[in-house]
Amino acid sequence: MIPVIGLVVGVGLGLFLQPDVPLWLQPYLPIAIVAALDAVVGALRALGERRFDDRVFVVSFISNVTIAGFMVFLGDQLGVGSQLSTGVVVVLGIRIFANAAAIRRRIFHA
């Protein structure tokens, strides 16, 4: 119940305060969100398989966001930022859809 309350309060504060994303952070934010979604969908799959561990989730969440952000930063430094960003999104998207398919198979027994 506490995570749900935290989510509601966080969304409410975000809508009320409407924070601005700094210009230097804007290229990294979409990648960080996709990386975070990958960790969340993976956690949902683990929860459905009764092997969820909160420590693994936190480490996965933080490391996914950090590694994805670093890869985009490295791509920017090498001059291939948009191509590397696309690659990161494709890889994380494949992982998200694979986990979603596993969740769907588990729910519908198909």
C-alpha atoms as a PDB file:
ATOM      1  CA  MET A   1       0.000   0.000   0.000  1.00  0.00           C
ATOM      2  CA  ILE A   2       2.873   2.362   0.734  1.00  0.00           C
ATOM      3  CA  PRO A   3       4.231   2.173  -2.858  1.00  0.00           C
ATOM      4  CA  VAL A   4       0.794   3.032  -4.246  1.00  0.00           C
ATOM      5  CA  ILE A   5       0.506   6.022  -1.910  1.00  0.00           C
ATOM      6  CA  GLY A   6       4.014   7.116  -2.913  1.00  0.00           C
ATOM      7  CA  LEU A   7       3.121   6.811  -6.588  1.00  0.00           C
ATOM      8  CA  VAL A   8      -0.068   8.848  -6.182  1.00  0.00           C
ATOM      9  CA  VAL A   9       1.722  11.548  -4.163  1.00  0.00           C
ATOM     10  CA  GLY A  10       4.593  11.656  -6.680  1.00  0.00           C
ATOM     11  CA  VAL A  11       2.303  11.954  -9.698  1.00  0.00           C
ATOM     12  CA  GLY A  12       0.230  14.588  -7.900  1.00  0.00           C
ATOM     13  CA  LEU A  13       3.313  16.641  -7.033  1.00  0.00           C
ATOM     14  CA  GLY A  14       4.598  16.323 -10.577  1.00  0.00           C
ATOM     15  CA  LEU A  15       1.326  17.554 -12.032  1.00  0.00           C
ATOM     16  CA  PHE A  16       1.021  20.362  -9.495  1.00  0.00           C
ATOM     17  CA  LEU A  17       4.618  21.626  -9.589  1.00  0.00           C
ATOM     18  CA  GLN A  18       5.289  20.897 -13.294  1.00  0.00           C
ATOM     19  CA  PRO A  19       9.081  20.696 -12.944  1.00  0.00           C
ATOM     20  CA  ASP A  20      11.272  21.635 -15.912  1.00  0.00           C
ATOM     21  CA  VAL A  21      13.853  19.157 -17.156  1.00  0.00           C
ATOM     22  CA  PRO A  22      17.260  20.829 -17.561  1.00  0.00           C
ATOM     23  CA  LEU A  23      18.397  21.128 -21.168  1.00  0.00           C
ATOM     24  CA  TRP A  24      21.493  18.980 -20.611  1.00  0.00           C
ATOM     25  CA  LEU A  25      19.360  16.151 -19.206  1.00  0.00           C
ATOM     26  CA  GLN A  26      16.747  16.048 -21.977  1.00  0.00           C
ATOM     27  CA  PRO A  27      18.548  13.566 -24.285  1.00  0.00           C
ATOM     28  CA  TYR A  28      18.973  11.089 -21.424  1.00  0.00           C
ATOM     29  CA  LEU A  29      15.502  11.203 -19.866  1.00  0.00           C
ATOM     30  CA  PRO A  30      13.633   9.100 -22.478  1.00  0.00           C
ATOM     31  CA  ILE A  31      16.341   6.433 -22.355  1.00  0.00           C
ATOM     32  CA  ALA A  32      16.256   6.426 -18.557  1.00  0.00           C
ATOM     33  CA  ILE A  33      12.471   5.983 -18.605  1.00  0.00           C
ATOM     34  CA  VAL A  34      12.677   3.027 -21.008  1.00  0.00           C
ATOM     35  CA  ALA A  35      15.439   1.469 -18.873  1.00  0.00           C
ATOM     36  CA  ALA A  36      13.318   1.942 -15.757  1.00  0.00           C
ATOM     37  CA  LEU A  37      10.307   0.370 -17.514  1.00  0.00           C
ATOM     38  CA  ASP A  38      12.467  -2.631 -18.363  1.00  0.00           C
ATOM     39  CA  ALA A  39      13.313  -3.089 -14.685  1.00  0.00           C
ATOM     40  CA  VAL A  40       9.670  -2.679 -13.621  1.00  0.00           C
ATOM     41  CA  VAL A  41       8.332  -5.169 -16.190  1.00  0.00           C
ATOM     42  CA  GLY A  42      11.084  -7.604 -15.199  1.00  0.00           C
ATOM     43  CA  ALA A  43      10.042  -7.196 -11.569  1.00  0.00           C
ATOM     44  CA  LEU A  44       6.416  -7.873 -12.478  1.00  0.00           C
ATOM     45  CA  ARG A  45       7.488 -11.052 -14.242  1.00  0.00           C
ATOM     46  CA  ALA A  46       9.548 -12.140 -11.235  1.00  0.00           C
ATOM     47  CA  LEU A  47       6.619 -11.348  -8.953  1.00  0.00           C
ATOM     48  CA  GLY A  48       4.338 -13.544 -11.042  1.00  0.00           C
ATOM     49  CA  GLU A  49       6.887 -16.350 -10.928  1.00  0.00           C
ATOM     50  CA  ARG A  50       7.193 -15.939  -7.141  1.00  0.00           C
ATOM     51  CA  ARG A  51      10.905 -15.159  -7.279  1.00  0.00           C
ATOM     52  CA  PHE A  52      10.827 -11.404  -6.734  1.00  0.00           C
ATOM     53  CA  ASP A  53      13.602  -9.932  -4.599  1.00  0.00           C
ATOM     54  CA  ASP A  54      13.464  -6.265  -3.695  1.00  0.00           C
ATOM     55  CA  ARG A  55      17.257  -5.917  -3.596  1.00  0.00           C
ATOM     56  CA  VAL A  56      17.589  -7.381  -7.075  1.00  0.00           C
ATOM     57  CA  PHE A  57      14.897  -4.986  -8.297  1.00  0.00           C
ATOM     58  CA  VAL A  58      16.600  -1.903  -6.835  1.00  0.00           C
ATOM     59  CA  VAL A  59      19.999  -2.912  -8.217  1.00  0.00           C
ATOM     60  CA  SER A  60      18.463  -3.717 -11.610  1.00  0.00           C
ATOM     61  CA  PHE A  61      16.558  -0.431 -11.688  1.00  0.00           C
ATOM     62  CA  ILE A  62      19.574   1.712 -10.801  1.00  0.00           C
ATOM     63  CA  SER A  63      22.034  -0.189 -12.992  1.00  0.00           C
ATOM     64  CA  ASN A  64      19.689  -0.200 -16.025  1.00  0.00           C
ATOM     65  CA  VAL A  65      19.189   3.556 -15.828  1.00  0.00           C
ATOM     66  CA  THR A  66      22.888   4.246 -15.192  1.00  0.00           C
ATOM     67  CA  ILE A  67      24.194   1.974 -17.950  1.00  0.00           C
ATOM     68  CA  ALA A  68      21.649   3.193 -20.499  1.00  0.00           C
ATOM     69  CA  GLY A  69      22.427   6.823 -19.655  1.00  0.00           C
ATOM     70  CA  PHE A  70      26.166   6.173 -19.874  1.00  0.00           C
ATOM     71  CA  MET A  71      25.765   4.511 -23.270  1.00  0.00           C
ATOM     72  CA  VAL A  72      23.880   7.525 -24.609  1.00  0.00           C
ATOM     73  CA  PHE A  73      26.503   9.858 -23.130  1.00  0.00           C
ATOM     74  CA  LEU A  74      29.264   7.799 -24.741  1.00  0.00           C
ATOM     75  CA  GLY A  75      27.406   7.864 -28.056  1.00  0.00           C
ATOM     76  CA  ASP A  76      27.150  11.649 -27.821  1.00  0.00           C
ATOM     77  CA  GLN A  77      30.877  11.914 -27.154  1.00  0.00           C
ATOM     78  CA  LEU A  78      31.642   9.667 -30.150  1.00  0.00           C
ATOM     79  CA  GLY A  79      29.242  11.559 -32.408  1.00  0.00           C
ATOM     80  CA  VAL A  80      26.803   8.685 -32.819  1.00  0.00           C
ATOM     81  CA  GLY A  81      24.364   9.642 -30.064  1.00  0.00           C
ATOM     82  CA  SER A  82      21.138   9.111 -31.974  1.00  0.00           C
ATOM     83  CA  GLN A  83      22.223   5.741 -33.392  1.00  0.00           C
ATOM     84  CA  LEU A  84      23.342   4.455 -29.998  1.00  0.00           C
ATOM     85  CA  SER A  85      20.154   5.786 -28.383  1.00  0.00           C
ATOM     86  CA  THR A  86      18.128   3.882 -30.961  1.00  0.00           C
ATOM     87  CA  GLY A  87      20.128   0.743 -30.232  1.00  0.00           C
ATOM     88  CA  VAL A  88      19.535   1.062 -26.490  1.00  0.00           C
ATOM     89  CA  VAL A  89      15.802   1.576 -27.000  1.00  0.00           C
ATOM     90  CA  VAL A  90      15.591  -1.433 -29.348  1.00  0.00           C
ATOM     91  CA  VAL A  91      17.416  -3.746 -26.917  1.00  0.00           C
ATOM     92  CA  LEU A  92      15.396  -2.587 -23.913  1.00  0.00           C
ATOM     93  CA  GLY A  93      12.191  -2.749 -25.963  1.00  0.00           C
ATOM     94  CA  ILE A  94      12.907  -6.354 -26.882  1.00  0.00           C
ATOM     95  CA  ARG A  95      13.448  -7.173 -23.208  1.00  0.00           C
ATOM     96  CA  ILE A  96      10.225  -5.403 -22.206  1.00  0.00           C
ATOM     97  CA  PHE A  97       8.184  -7.268 -24.834  1.00  0.00           C
ATOM     98  CA  ALA A  98       9.795 -10.600 -23.912  1.00  0.00           C
ATOM     99  CA  ASN A  99       8.901 -10.082 -20.250  1.00  0.00           C
ATOM    100  CA  ALA A 100       5.395  -8.918 -21.180  1.00  0.00           C
ATOM    101  CA  ALA A 101       4.947 -12.043 -23.318  1.00  0.00           C
ATOM    102  CA  ALA A 102       6.056 -14.234 -20.409  1.00  0.00           C
ATOM    103  CA  ILE A 103       3.598 -12.462 -18.097  1.00  0.00           C
ATOM    104  CA  ARG A 104       0.809 -12.886 -20.656  1.00  0.00           C
ATOM    105  CA  ARG A 105       1.596 -16.612 -21.069  1.00  0.00           C
ATOM    106  CA  ARG A 106       1.555 -17.060 -17.310  1.00  0.00           C
ATOM    107  CA  ILE A 107      -1.763 -15.247 -16.859  1.00  0.00           C
ATOM    108  CA  PHE A 108      -3.591 -16.876 -19.784  1.00  0.00           C
ATOM    109  CA  HIS A 109      -1.812 -20.260 -19.565  1.00  0.00           C
ATOM    110  CA  ALA A 110      -1.029 -20.171 -23.252  1.00  0.00           C
END
